[in-house]
C-alpha atoms as a PDB file:
ATOM      1  CA  MET A   1     -33.190   3.451  20.205  1.00  0.00           C
ATOM      2  CA  LEU A   2     -29.987   5.458  21.003  1.00  0.00           C
ATOM      3  CA  GLU A   3     -31.638   6.146  24.766  1.00  0.00           C
ATOM      4  CA  LYS A   4     -31.984   2.172  24.879  1.00  0.00           C
ATOM      5  CA  LEU A   5     -28.084   1.972  23.837  1.00  0.00           C
ATOM      6  CA  LEU A   6     -26.479   4.380  26.372  1.00  0.00           C
ATOM      7  CA  GLN A   7     -28.985   3.230  29.277  1.00  0.00           C
ATOM      8  CA  LYS A   8     -25.931   0.869  30.539  1.00  0.00           C
ATOM      9  CA  SER A   9     -22.617   2.132  31.482  1.00  0.00           C
ATOM     10  CA  GLY A  10     -19.128   1.340  29.264  1.00  0.00           C
ATOM     11  CA  LEU A  11     -19.749   2.546  25.873  1.00  0.00           C
ATOM     12  CA  SER A  12     -17.703   5.753  25.655  1.00  0.00           C
ATOM     13  CA  LEU A  13     -15.676   7.181  22.845  1.00  0.00           C
ATOM     14  CA  ASP A  14     -12.333   6.670  25.089  1.00  0.00           C
ATOM     15  CA  ARG A  15     -13.333   3.166  25.401  1.00  0.00           C
ATOM     16  CA  LEU A  16     -13.640   2.864  21.697  1.00  0.00           C
ATOM     17  CA  GLN A  17     -10.351   4.734  20.872  1.00  0.00           C
ATOM     18  CA  SER A  18      -8.462   2.366  23.607  1.00  0.00           C
ATOM     19  CA  PHE A  19      -9.824  -0.500  21.707  1.00  0.00           C
ATOM     20  CA  CYS A  20      -8.890   0.479  18.078  1.00  0.00           C
ATOM     21  CA  LEU A  21      -5.134   1.326  19.749  1.00  0.00           C
ATOM     22  CA  VAL A  22      -5.075  -2.243  21.051  1.00  0.00           C
ATOM     23  CA  ALA A  23      -6.527  -3.861  17.916  1.00  0.00           C
ATOM     24  CA  GLU A  24      -3.980  -2.151  15.569  1.00  0.00           C
ATOM     25  CA  ALA A  25      -0.904  -2.228  17.677  1.00  0.00           C
ATOM     26  CA  GLY A  26      -1.831  -6.415  18.281  1.00  0.00           C
ATOM     27  CA  GLY A  27      -1.405  -6.352  22.229  1.00  0.00           C
ATOM     28  CA  VAL A  28      -2.411  -3.946  25.216  1.00  0.00           C
ATOM     29  CA  THR A  29       1.643  -4.100  26.080  1.00  0.00           C
ATOM     30  CA  LYS A  30       2.579  -2.443  22.408  1.00  0.00           C
ATOM     31  CA  ALA A  31      -0.218  -0.026  22.512  1.00  0.00           C
ATOM     32  CA  ALA A  32       0.591   1.003  26.066  1.00  0.00           C
ATOM     33  CA  LYS A  33       4.418   1.394  24.862  1.00  0.00           C
ATOM     34  CA  GLY A  34       5.670  -0.186  28.119  1.00  0.00           C
ATOM     35  CA  ASP A  35       3.361   2.337  30.881  1.00  0.00           C
ATOM     36  CA  LEU A  36       1.995   0.146  32.999  1.00  0.00           C
ATOM     37  CA  THR A  37      -0.443   2.190  34.112  1.00  0.00           C
ATOM     38  CA  ARG A  38      -1.885   2.527  30.415  1.00  0.00           C
ATOM     39  CA  GLN A  39      -1.603  -1.364  29.949  1.00  0.00           C
ATOM     40  CA  SER A  40      -4.014  -1.529  33.389  1.00  0.00           C
ATOM     41  CA  LEU A  41      -6.329   1.234  31.171  1.00  0.00           C
ATOM     42  CA  PHE A  42      -6.258  -0.536  28.228  1.00  0.00           C
ATOM     43  CA  SER A  43      -7.163  -4.033  29.626  1.00  0.00           C
ATOM     44  CA  ARG A  44     -10.175  -2.377  32.120  1.00  0.00           C
ATOM     45  CA  GLN A  45     -11.867  -0.527  29.180  1.00  0.00           C
ATOM     46  CA  ILE A  46     -11.532  -3.428  26.541  1.00  0.00           C
ATOM     47  CA  LYS A  47     -13.350  -5.678  29.794  1.00  0.00           C
ATOM     48  CA  GLU A  48     -16.128  -2.741  30.297  1.00  0.00           C
ATOM     49  CA  LEU A  49     -16.645  -2.817  26.401  1.00  0.00           C
ATOM     50  CA  GLU A  50     -16.814  -6.725  26.062  1.00  0.00           C
ATOM     51  CA  GLU A  51     -19.100  -6.601  29.190  1.00  0.00           C
ATOM     52  CA  PHE A  52     -21.376  -4.014  26.944  1.00  0.00           C
ATOM     53  CA  PHE A  53     -21.693  -5.725  24.104  1.00  0.00           C
ATOM     54  CA  GLY A  54     -22.318  -9.218  25.641  1.00  0.00           C
ATOM     55  CA  VAL A  55     -19.535 -10.765  23.608  1.00  0.00           C
ATOM     56  CA  GLU A  56     -15.681 -11.379  23.447  1.00  0.00           C
ATOM     57  CA  LEU A  57     -13.617  -9.085  21.188  1.00  0.00           C
ATOM     58  CA  MET A  58     -10.056 -10.136  21.372  1.00  0.00           C
ATOM     59  CA  ARG A  59      -8.269 -13.103  22.417  1.00  0.00           C
ATOM     60  CA  ARG A  60      -4.963 -14.133  23.486  1.00  0.00           C
ATOM     61  CA  SER A  61      -3.023 -15.036  20.788  1.00  0.00           C
ATOM     62  CA  GLY A  62       0.760 -15.997  21.457  1.00  0.00           C
ATOM     63  CA  ARG A  63       2.310 -12.700  23.039  1.00  0.00           C
ATOM     64  CA  GLY A  64      -0.380 -10.581  21.262  1.00  0.00           C
ATOM     65  CA  VAL A  65      -4.011 -10.591  21.111  1.00  0.00           C
ATOM     66  CA  ALA A  66      -6.221 -11.441  17.998  1.00  0.00           C
ATOM     67  CA  LEU A  67      -9.981  -9.815  17.247  1.00  0.00           C
ATOM     68  CA  THR A  68     -12.652 -12.186  17.118  1.00  0.00           C
ATOM     69  CA  ALA A  69     -15.193 -11.647  14.553  1.00  0.00           C
ATOM     70  CA  ALA A  70     -17.104  -9.875  16.588  1.00  0.00           C
ATOM     71  CA  GLY A  71     -13.779  -7.491  17.698  1.00  0.00           C
ATOM     72  CA  ARG A  72     -13.474  -6.794  13.950  1.00  0.00           C
ATOM     73  CA  ARG A  73     -16.589  -5.320  12.940  1.00  0.00           C
ATOM     74  CA  LEU A  74     -16.701  -3.161  16.417  1.00  0.00           C
ATOM     75  CA  HIS A  75     -12.958  -2.278  15.049  1.00  0.00           C
ATOM     76  CA  THR A  76     -13.817  -1.164  11.379  1.00  0.00           C
ATOM     77  CA  LEU A  77     -17.150   0.662  12.954  1.00  0.00           C
ATOM     78  CA  ALA A  78     -15.538   2.567  15.654  1.00  0.00           C
ATOM     79  CA  ARG A  79     -12.218   3.491  13.247  1.00  0.00           C
ATOM     80  CA  GLU A  80     -14.925   5.319  11.053  1.00  0.00           C
ATOM     81  CA  GLN A  81     -17.208   6.845  13.728  1.00  0.00           C
ATOM     82  CA  LEU A  82     -13.817   8.373  15.275  1.00  0.00           C
ATOM     83  CA  ALA A  83     -12.158   9.409  11.764  1.00  0.00           C
ATOM     84  CA  GLY A  84     -15.649  11.304  10.862  1.00  0.00           C
ATOM     85  CA  LEU A  85     -15.483  12.777  14.163  1.00  0.00           C
ATOM     86  CA  GLN A  86     -12.045  13.742  13.905  1.00  0.00           C
ATOM     87  CA  ASP A  87     -12.283  15.693  10.590  1.00  0.00           C
ATOM     88  CA  PHE A  88     -15.627  17.203  11.934  1.00  0.00           C
ATOM     89  CA  LYS A  89     -13.698  18.976  14.265  1.00  0.00           C
ATOM     90  CA  HIS A  90     -11.227  19.542  12.138  1.00  0.00           C
ATOM     91  CA  ASP A  91     -13.824  21.440   9.774  1.00  0.00           C
ATOM     92  CA  CYS A  92     -15.004  23.287  13.228  1.00  0.00           C
ATOM     93  CA  ALA A  93     -11.702  24.585  13.287  1.00  0.00           C
ATOM     94  CA  GLY A  94     -11.285  25.336  10.118  1.00  0.00           C
ATOM     95  CA  ALA A  95      -8.452  23.560   8.752  1.00  0.00           C
ATOM     96  CA  ARG A  96      -8.333  20.580   6.473  1.00  0.00           C
ATOM     97  CA  PRO A  97      -8.443  17.036   7.421  1.00  0.00           C
ATOM     98  CA  GLU A  98      -5.494  14.350   7.244  1.00  0.00           C
ATOM     99  CA  LEU A  99      -5.645  11.993   4.214  1.00  0.00           C
ATOM    100  CA  THR A 100      -3.643   8.635   4.047  1.00  0.00           C
ATOM    101  CA  LEU A 101      -2.871   6.896   1.027  1.00  0.00           C
ATOM    102  CA  ALA A 102      -0.842   3.703   0.923  1.00  0.00           C
ATOM    103  CA  ALA A 103       0.542   2.447  -2.421  1.00  0.00           C
ATOM    104  CA  GLY A 104       4.110  -0.142  -3.113  1.00  0.00           C
ATOM    105  CA  ASP A 105       7.285   1.708  -3.084  1.00  0.00           C
ATOM    106  CA  SER A 106       7.644   1.756  -6.917  1.00  0.00           C
ATOM    107  CA  ILE A 107       4.051   3.682  -7.094  1.00  0.00           C
ATOM    108  CA  ILE A 108       5.003   5.881  -4.559  1.00  0.00           C
ATOM    109  CA  GLN A 109       8.574   6.837  -5.841  1.00  0.00           C
ATOM    110  CA  TRP A 110       7.712   7.089  -9.490  1.00  0.00           C
ATOM    111  CA  VAL A 111       3.932   8.021  -9.726  1.00  0.00           C
ATOM    112  CA  LEU A 112       2.839   9.797  -6.978  1.00  0.00           C
ATOM    113  CA  LEU A 113       6.283  11.860  -5.285  1.00  0.00           C
ATOM    114  CA  PRO A 114       6.966  12.906  -8.846  1.00  0.00           C
ATOM    115  CA  LYS A 115       3.300  14.737  -9.210  1.00  0.00           C
ATOM    116  CA  LEU A 116       3.483  15.514  -5.529  1.00  0.00           C
ATOM    117  CA  ALA A 117       2.945  19.493  -5.772  1.00  0.00           C
ATOM    118  CA  GLU A 118      -0.268  18.616  -7.756  1.00  0.00           C
ATOM    119  CA  LEU A 119      -1.499  16.351  -5.344  1.00  0.00           C
ATOM    120  CA  GLN A 120      -1.115  18.778  -2.588  1.00  0.00           C
ATOM    121  CA  ALA A 121      -2.426  21.690  -4.738  1.00  0.00           C
ATOM    122  CA  LYS A 122      -5.882  20.110  -5.795  1.00  0.00           C
ATOM    123  CA  LEU A 123      -6.321  17.355  -2.687  1.00  0.00           C
ATOM    124  CA  PRO A 124      -8.736  18.186  -0.239  1.00  0.00           C
ATOM    125  CA  ALA A 125      -6.334  17.384   2.984  1.00  0.00           C
ATOM    126  CA  GLY A 126      -4.323  19.732   4.974  1.00  0.00           C
ATOM    127  CA  ARG A 127      -1.663  16.712   5.299  1.00  0.00           C
ATOM    128  CA  LEU A 128      -1.080  13.536   3.261  1.00  0.00           C
ATOM    129  CA  ARG A 129       0.592  10.479   4.429  1.00  0.00           C
ATOM    130  CA  LEU A 130       1.700   8.327   2.172  1.00  0.00           C
ATOM    131  CA  LEU A 131       2.309   4.991   3.536  1.00  0.00           C
ATOM    132  CA  ASN A 132       4.388   1.973   1.832  1.00  0.00           C
ATOM    133  CA  LEU A 133       2.470  -1.740   1.906  1.00  0.00           C
ATOM    134  CA  SER A 134       1.786  -4.396  -0.518  1.00  0.00           C
ATOM    135  CA  SER A 135      -1.685  -4.993  -1.856  1.00  0.00           C
ATOM    136  CA  ALA A 136      -2.938  -7.281   0.329  1.00  0.00           C
ATOM    137  CA  GLU A 137      -1.689  -5.259   3.657  1.00  0.00           C
ATOM    138  CA  ILE A 138      -3.434  -2.103   1.994  1.00  0.00           C
ATOM    139  CA  ALA A 139      -7.118  -4.216   1.024  1.00  0.00           C
ATOM    140  CA  SER A 140      -6.984  -5.163   4.803  1.00  0.00           C
ATOM    141  CA  GLY A 141      -6.040  -1.362   5.842  1.00  0.00           C
ATOM    142  CA  LEU A 142      -9.160  -0.329   3.647  1.00  0.00           C
ATOM    143  CA  ALA A 143     -11.881  -2.918   5.042  1.00  0.00           C
ATOM    144  CA  GLU A 144     -10.612  -2.051   8.413  1.00  0.00           C
ATOM    145  CA  GLY A 145     -10.770   1.952   7.956  1.00  0.00           C
ATOM    146  CA  THR A 146      -7.421   2.367   9.135  1.00  0.00           C
ATOM    147  CA  ILE A 147      -6.194   3.469   5.236  1.00  0.00           C
ATOM    148  CA  ASP A 148      -8.303   5.936   3.364  1.00  0.00           C
ATOM    149  CA  LEU A 149      -7.272   5.169  -0.339  1.00  0.00           C
ATOM    150  CA  GLY A 150      -5.130   2.810  -1.930  1.00  0.00           C
ATOM    151  CA  ILE A 151      -3.483   2.184  -5.552  1.00  0.00           C
ATOM    152  CA  VAL A 152      -3.287  -1.982  -5.817  1.00  0.00           C
ATOM    153  CA  ARG A 153      -3.059  -4.659  -8.643  1.00  0.00           C
ATOM    154  CA  GLN A 154      -6.558  -4.784 -10.077  1.00  0.00           C
ATOM    155  CA  GLY A 155      -8.265  -7.831  -8.441  1.00  0.00           C
ATOM    156  CA  ALA A 156      -6.723  -6.922  -4.904  1.00  0.00           C
ATOM    157  CA  ALA A 157      -9.248  -4.948  -3.224  1.00  0.00           C
ATOM    158  CA  ASP A 158     -12.631  -6.972  -4.955  1.00  0.00           C
ATOM    159  CA  LYS A 159     -14.784  -5.991  -2.461  1.00  0.00           C
ATOM    160  CA  LEU A 160     -13.912  -2.481  -2.081  1.00  0.00           C
ATOM    161  CA  GLU A 161     -14.528   0.511  -4.438  1.00  0.00           C
ATOM    162  CA  CYS A 162     -12.016   0.147  -7.049  1.00  0.00           C
ATOM    163  CA  ALA A 163     -10.848   2.759 -10.353  1.00  0.00           C
ATOM    164  CA  PRO A 164      -8.881   1.319 -12.873  1.00  0.00           C
ATOM    165  CA  LEU A 165      -6.028   3.360 -13.374  1.00  0.00           C
ATOM    166  CA  GLY A 166      -4.119   2.024 -16.516  1.00  0.00           C
ATOM    167  CA  LYS A 167      -1.369  -0.701 -17.028  1.00  0.00           C
ATOM    168  CA  MET A 168       1.939  -0.769 -15.663  1.00  0.00           C
ATOM    169  CA  GLU A 169       4.228  -2.403 -18.029  1.00  0.00           C
ATOM    170  CA  PHE A 170       7.635  -3.693 -17.515  1.00  0.00           C
ATOM    171  CA  SER A 171      11.129  -3.105 -19.461  1.00  0.00           C
ATOM    172  CA  LEU A 172      14.421  -4.686 -19.666  1.00  0.00           C
ATOM    173  CA  PHE A 173      16.878  -1.813 -18.572  1.00  0.00           C
ATOM    174  CA  VAL A 174      20.463  -2.421 -19.489  1.00  0.00           C
ATOM    175  CA  PRO A 175      23.718  -0.103 -19.029  1.00  0.00           C
ATOM    176  CA  ARG A 176      25.014   0.831 -22.190  1.00  0.00           C
ATOM    177  CA  ARG A 177      28.691  -0.127 -20.699  1.00  0.00           C
ATOM    178  CA  LEU A 178      27.258  -4.031 -20.887  1.00  0.00           C
ATOM    179  CA  LEU A 179      26.003  -4.093 -24.342  1.00  0.00           C
ATOM    180  CA  ALA A 180      29.444  -3.993 -25.970  1.00  0.00           C
ATOM    181  CA  GLY A 181      28.636  -1.900 -28.890  1.00  0.00           C
ATOM    182  CA  LYS A 182      25.405  -4.013 -29.362  1.00  0.00           C
ATOM    183  CA  ASN A 183      21.902  -2.750 -29.642  1.00  0.00           C
ATOM    184  CA  ALA A 184      19.475  -3.472 -27.178  1.00  0.00           C
ATOM    185  CA  ASP A 185      16.712  -4.292 -29.811  1.00  0.00           C
ATOM    186  CA  GLY A 186      18.556  -6.720 -31.258  1.00  0.00           C
ATOM    187  CA  LEU A 187      19.445  -8.730 -28.134  1.00  0.00           C
ATOM    188  CA  THR A 188      19.265 -12.372 -28.362  1.00  0.00           C
ATOM    189  CA  PRO A 189      17.851 -15.186 -25.505  1.00  0.00           C
ATOM    190  CA  ALA A 190      21.705 -15.867 -25.288  1.00  0.00           C
ATOM    191  CA  GLN A 191      22.930 -12.338 -25.142  1.00  0.00           C
ATOM    192  CA  ILE A 192      19.891 -11.903 -22.381  1.00  0.00           C
ATOM    193  CA  SER A 193      21.271 -14.507 -20.402  1.00  0.00           C
ATOM    194  CA  ARG A 194      24.673 -13.405 -19.771  1.00  0.00           C
ATOM    195  CA  LEU A 195      23.744  -9.775 -18.455  1.00  0.00           C
ATOM    196  CA  PRO A 196      24.267  -9.860 -14.847  1.00  0.00           C
ATOM    197  CA  LEU A 197      20.896  -9.036 -13.284  1.00  0.00           C
ATOM    198  CA  ALA A 198      19.510  -7.554 -10.294  1.00  0.00           C
ATOM    199  CA  THR A 199      16.101  -8.580  -9.161  1.00  0.00           C
ATOM    200  CA  LEU A 200      13.702  -8.217  -5.795  1.00  0.00           C
ATOM    201  CA  GLU A 201      14.780 -10.916  -3.430  1.00  0.00           C
ATOM    202  CA  GLY A 202      12.497 -14.084  -2.629  1.00  0.00           C
ATOM    203  CA  ALA A 203       9.776 -15.941  -4.133  1.00  0.00           C
ATOM    204  CA  GLY A 204       7.168 -13.215  -4.699  1.00  0.00           C
ATOM    205  CA  GLU A 205       4.741 -12.759  -7.269  1.00  0.00           C
ATOM    206  CA  PHE A 206       6.815 -10.769  -9.596  1.00  0.00           C
ATOM    207  CA  ARG A 207      10.163 -13.143  -9.198  1.00  0.00           C
ATOM    208  CA  ALA A 208       8.167 -15.766  -9.808  1.00  0.00           C
ATOM    209  CA  GLY A 209       6.359 -14.498 -12.807  1.00  0.00           C
ATOM    210  CA  LEU A 210       9.868 -13.438 -14.255  1.00  0.00           C
ATOM    211  CA  GLU A 211      11.162 -16.847 -13.729  1.00  0.00           C
ATOM    212  CA  ARG A 212       7.807 -18.276 -15.424  1.00  0.00           C
ATOM    213  CA  ILE A 213       8.003 -16.269 -18.808  1.00  0.00           C
ATOM    214  CA  THR A 214      11.847 -16.279 -19.391  1.00  0.00           C
ATOM    215  CA  ARG A 215      11.947 -20.409 -18.474  1.00  0.00           C
ATOM    216  CA  ARG A 216       9.618 -20.353 -21.679  1.00  0.00           C
ATOM    217  CA  LYS A 217      11.649 -17.986 -23.909  1.00  0.00           C
ATOM    218  CA  LYS A 218      14.717 -20.223 -23.146  1.00  0.00           C
ATOM    219  CA  VAL A 219      16.612 -17.025 -21.227  1.00  0.00           C
ATOM    220  CA  ALA A 220      18.509 -17.464 -17.853  1.00  0.00           C
ATOM    221  CA  LEU A 221      18.378 -15.187 -15.375  1.00  0.00           C
ATOM    222  CA  ASN A 222      22.178 -14.696 -14.459  1.00  0.00           C
ATOM    223  CA  VAL A 223      21.183 -12.906 -10.996  1.00  0.00           C
ATOM    224  CA  VAL A 224      24.055 -11.563  -9.414  1.00  0.00           C
ATOM    225  CA  LEU A 225      22.416  -8.938  -7.257  1.00  0.00           C
ATOM    226  CA  GLU A 226      18.951  -9.204  -5.010  1.00  0.00           C
ATOM    227  CA  LEU A 227      17.642  -6.207  -3.434  1.00  0.00           C
ATOM    228  CA  SER A 228      14.102  -5.917  -1.370  1.00  0.00           C
ATOM    229  CA  SER A 229      12.454  -3.288  -3.649  1.00  0.00           C
ATOM    230  CA  PHE A 230      12.313  -2.016  -7.414  1.00  0.00           C
ATOM    231  CA  PRO A 231      13.467   2.075  -6.629  1.00  0.00           C
ATOM    232  CA  LEU A 232      16.837  -0.268  -4.819  1.00  0.00           C
ATOM    233  CA  ILE A 233      17.396  -2.217  -8.223  1.00  0.00           C
ATOM    234  CA  ALA A 234      17.106   0.824 -10.285  1.00  0.00           C
ATOM    235  CA  ARG A 235      20.089   2.905  -8.334  1.00  0.00           C
ATOM    236  CA  ALA A 236      21.826  -0.516  -9.223  1.00  0.00           C
ATOM    237  CA  VAL A 237      20.996  -0.072 -12.557  1.00  0.00           C
ATOM    238  CA  GLN A 238      22.120   3.302 -12.532  1.00  0.00           C
ATOM    239  CA  GLY A 239      25.443   2.573 -10.875  1.00  0.00           C
ATOM    240  CA  GLY A 240      26.000   0.518 -14.303  1.00  0.00           C
ATOM    241  CA  ALA A 241      26.919  -2.923 -13.053  1.00  0.00           C
ATOM    242  CA  CYS A 242      23.633  -4.366 -13.609  1.00  0.00           C
ATOM    243  CA  ALA A 243      20.469  -4.661 -15.847  1.00  0.00           C
ATOM    244  CA  ALA A 244      17.132  -5.329 -14.536  1.00  0.00           C
ATOM    245  CA  PHE A 245      13.361  -5.742 -15.380  1.00  0.00           C
ATOM    246  CA  LEU A 246      11.612  -2.916 -13.700  1.00  0.00           C
ATOM    247  CA  PRO A 247       8.205  -1.062 -14.186  1.00  0.00           C
ATOM    248  CA  GLY A 248       8.156   1.078 -16.796  1.00  0.00           C
ATOM    249  CA  PRO A 249       7.616   4.136 -14.708  1.00  0.00           C
ATOM    250  CA  ALA A 250      11.449   3.454 -13.494  1.00  0.00           C
ATOM    251  CA  ARG A 251      12.698   5.360 -16.966  1.00  0.00           C
ATOM    252  CA  GLY A 252      12.656   8.406 -15.287  1.00  0.00           C
ATOM    253  CA  GLU A 253      15.464   7.560 -13.147  1.00  0.00           C
ATOM    254  CA  PHE A 254      17.699   6.921 -15.973  1.00  0.00           C
ATOM    255  CA  ASP A 255      19.783   8.884 -18.197  1.00  0.00           C
ATOM    256  CA  PRO A 256      19.190   7.291 -22.298  1.00  0.00           C
ATOM    257  CA  ALA A 257      22.368   8.011 -23.203  1.00  0.00           C
ATOM    258  CA  GLU A 258      23.563   5.202 -20.278  1.00  0.00           C
ATOM    259  CA  VAL A 259      21.125   3.241 -19.924  1.00  0.00           C
ATOM    260  CA  MET A 260      18.646   1.321 -22.982  1.00  0.00           C
ATOM    261  CA  GLU A 261      14.967   0.175 -22.608  1.00  0.00           C
ATOM    262  CA  LEU A 262      14.239  -2.738 -24.171  1.00  0.00           C
ATOM    263  CA  GLN A 263      10.513  -3.871 -24.476  1.00  0.00           C
ATOM    264  CA  PRO A 264       9.843  -7.382 -25.665  1.00  0.00           C
ATOM    265  CA  ASP A 265       6.629  -8.492 -26.229  1.00  0.00           C
ATOM    266  CA  TRP A 266       7.077 -11.539 -24.213  1.00  0.00           C
ATOM    267  CA  LEU A 267       7.554  -9.625 -21.033  1.00  0.00           C
ATOM    268  CA  GLN A 268       3.554  -8.669 -21.468  1.00  0.00           C
ATOM    269  CA  PRO A 269       2.400 -11.512 -19.228  1.00  0.00           C
ATOM    270  CA  LEU A 270       4.616  -9.568 -16.240  1.00  0.00           C
ATOM    271  CA  ASP A 271       1.845  -6.114 -17.111  1.00  0.00           C
ATOM    272  CA  ARG A 272      -0.210  -5.548 -14.540  1.00  0.00           C
ATOM    273  CA  GLU A 273      -3.671  -3.610 -14.191  1.00  0.00           C
ATOM    274  CA  MET A 274      -3.502  -1.048 -11.360  1.00  0.00           C
ATOM    275  CA  ALA A 275      -6.683   0.192  -9.446  1.00  0.00           C
ATOM    276  CA  LEU A 276      -7.067   3.030  -7.217  1.00  0.00           C
ATOM    277  CA  ALA A 277      -9.311   1.479  -4.242  1.00  0.00           C
ATOM    278  CA  TRP A 278     -11.328   2.868  -1.291  1.00  0.00           C
ATOM    279  CA  ASN A 279     -14.077   1.808   1.111  1.00  0.00           C
ATOM    280  CA  ARG A 280     -17.354   3.016   0.393  1.00  0.00           C
ATOM    281  CA  ARG A 281     -18.487   3.184   3.727  1.00  0.00           C
ATOM    282  CA  LEU A 282     -15.975   5.389   5.381  1.00  0.00           C
ATOM    283  CA  ALA A 283     -16.026   7.675   1.543  1.00  0.00           C
ATOM    284  CA  ARG A 284     -19.653   8.308   2.933  1.00  0.00           C
ATOM    285  CA  ILE A 285     -18.334   9.313   6.388  1.00  0.00           C
ATOM    286  CA  ARG A 286     -15.320  11.374   5.426  1.00  0.00           C
ATOM    287  CA  SER A 287     -16.159  13.414   2.533  1.00  0.00           C
ATOM    288  CA  VAL A 288     -12.188  14.432   1.841  1.00  0.00           C
ATOM    289  CA  VAL A 289     -12.166  10.742   0.991  1.00  0.00           C
ATOM    290  CA  ALA A 290     -14.718  10.880  -1.608  1.00  0.00           C
ATOM    291  CA  GLU A 291     -13.072  14.264  -2.777  1.00  0.00           C
ATOM    292  CA  ALA A 292     -10.214  12.683  -3.114  1.00  0.00           C
ATOM    293  CA  VAL A 293     -10.910  10.125  -5.876  1.00  0.00           C
ATOM    294  CA  PRO A 294     -11.111  12.105  -8.916  1.00  0.00           C
ATOM    295  CA  VAL A 295      -7.999  14.017  -7.987  1.00  0.00           C
ATOM    296  CA  LEU A 296      -6.148  10.429  -7.667  1.00  0.00           C
ATOM    297  CA  LYS A 297      -7.801   9.204 -10.697  1.00  0.00           C
ATOM    298  CA  SER A 298      -7.245  12.137 -13.123  1.00  0.00           C
ATOM    299  CA  ALA A 299      -3.313  12.315 -11.175  1.00  0.00           C
ATOM    300  CA  CYS A 300      -2.302   8.775 -11.294  1.00  0.00           C
ATOM    301  CA  SER A 301      -4.146   7.080 -14.844  1.00  0.00           C
ATOM    302  CA  ASN A 302      -1.816   6.230 -17.712  1.00  0.00           C
ATOM    303  CA  ARG A 303      -5.087   5.889 -19.859  1.00  0.00           C
END
């Protein structure tokens, strides 16, 4: 069967690598980084792959390219096989392979980095790459084989292998200087409404959910500052000028003598079940992925 596959010219590891580079960059020009010689080479190699397989792999889309259905399938296959060969090369050299783990900024800063020494000691990888991505981006990267493992909201990666990590709960963190001697546990909706708040910018899932439940509790959001991430919001709370609704792991950022944590029951709809996700096919090819799963489950689970 393999003899028939290779009877026709046009298929090579170099061509597949070039195809993956262009697919992931979104265009020949971006992949070549302005090198005209490489642009010509990439275009020719992709054309040769299309002639070999007898299908269109890419189409022009705006200023770049988009993969066809066949192109997406080939990209996944090529990525997996090239990753497996790279791991084999590491094994032959007696080196440990690289592992790419993706999560949101909050998970990276408040869950993974505090346990970095433990992860480095236990993971079977020589180098760990941590990528800050959304759950949707992580699910896409896992399916395409560009990411090895990811921490996502449960349900965001239904077509992948997942292991539950537990619930990420949310709290209201209030600088004591804003309470004027009041006990945070006794704050009424009206008092919370008067607190200056920092929150996420835009109309994402968290912001929409927060506005929905605060309307239900007749709490007005007195937003005075919008930022792009929870860790940045935590920095604003540290400064004492704003209160904020933040994931529970943010409590490690604050001195309890300076910032109080409030956990009203009505915040529970914001809670997120989190999961470790990976691609079963890639785990079969890359043993480092399969070996990393129990390590990350143990380190990151709050069950």
